[in-house]
Amino acid sequence: LASELGLRTDVRRVMLYFLGCYGGV
């Protein structure tokens, strides 16, 4: 469960990062 939660958090961070990049551009 811990590993799955970690992966989910990573995905969220990546999504937010991509959204931020597109928003900045």
N, C-alpha and C. Protein backbone atom coordinates (compact mmCIF):
# COMPACT_ATOMS: atom_id res chain seq x y z
N LEU A 1 0.85 -1.21 0.00
CA LEU A 1 0.00 0.00 0.00
C LEU A 1 0.87 1.25 0.00
N ALA A 2 1.93 1.23 0.80
CA ALA A 2 2.81 2.41 0.89
C ALA A 2 3.40 2.72 -0.48
N SER A 3 3.86 1.68 -1.17
CA SER A 3 4.47 1.90 -2.50
C SER A 3 3.43 2.47 -3.45
N GLU A 4 2.21 1.95 -3.41
CA GLU A 4 1.16 2.44 -4.31
C GLU A 4 0.86 3.91 -4.02
N LEU A 5 0.76 4.25 -2.73
CA LEU A 5 0.47 5.64 -2.36
C LEU A 5 1.60 6.53 -2.83
N GLY A 6 2.84 6.06 -2.70
CA GLY A 6 4.00 6.85 -3.12
C GLY A 6 3.93 7.11 -4.61
N LEU A 7 3.58 6.06 -5.38
CA LEU A 7 3.50 6.22 -6.83
C LEU A 7 2.40 7.22 -7.18
N ARG A 8 1.28 7.12 -6.47
CA ARG A 8 0.16 8.04 -6.75
C ARG A 8 0.59 9.48 -6.48
N THR A 9 1.29 9.69 -5.37
CA THR A 9 1.73 11.05 -5.05
C THR A 9 2.69 11.54 -6.13
N ASP A 10 3.56 10.65 -6.60
CA ASP A 10 4.52 11.05 -7.65
C ASP A 10 3.75 11.45 -8.90
N VAL A 11 2.74 10.67 -9.25
CA VAL A 11 1.95 10.98 -10.45
C VAL A 11 1.31 12.35 -10.30
N ARG A 12 0.78 12.62 -9.10
CA ARG A 12 0.14 13.92 -8.86
C ARG A 12 1.16 15.03 -9.05
N ARG A 13 2.36 14.83 -8.51
CA ARG A 13 3.39 15.87 -8.64
C ARG A 13 3.72 16.10 -10.10
N VAL A 14 3.85 15.00 -10.87
CA VAL A 14 4.17 15.13 -12.29
C VAL A 14 3.06 15.87 -13.01
N MET A 15 1.80 15.50 -12.71
CA MET A 15 0.67 16.16 -13.36
C MET A 15 0.68 17.64 -13.06
N LEU A 16 0.89 17.99 -11.78
CA LEU A 16 0.92 19.40 -11.38
C LEU A 16 2.07 20.11 -12.08
N TYR A 17 3.22 19.43 -12.18
CA TYR A 17 4.39 20.02 -12.83
C TYR A 17 4.08 20.31 -14.30
N PHE A 18 3.48 19.33 -14.98
CA PHE A 18 3.15 19.51 -16.40
C PHE A 18 2.14 20.64 -16.56
N LEU A 19 1.12 20.65 -15.69
CA LEU A 19 0.10 21.71 -15.77
C LEU A 19 0.76 23.06 -15.57
N GLY A 20 1.70 23.15 -14.65
CA GLY A 20 2.39 24.41 -14.38
C GLY A 20 3.19 24.85 -15.60
N CYS A 21 3.85 23.88 -16.25
CA CYS A 21 4.66 24.21 -17.43
C CYS A 21 3.76 24.74 -18.53
N TYR A 22 2.66 24.04 -18.81
CA TYR A 22 1.75 24.48 -19.86
C TYR A 22 1.16 25.84 -19.50
N GLY A 23 0.81 26.02 -18.23
CA GLY A 23 0.23 27.29 -17.79
C GLY A 23 1.24 28.42 -17.97
N GLY A 24 2.51 28.14 -17.64
CA GLY A 24 3.56 29.17 -17.79
C GLY A 24 3.74 29.52 -19.24
N VAL A 25 3.70 28.49 -20.11
CA VAL A 25 3.91 28.73 -21.54
C VAL A 25 2.65 29.35 -22.14
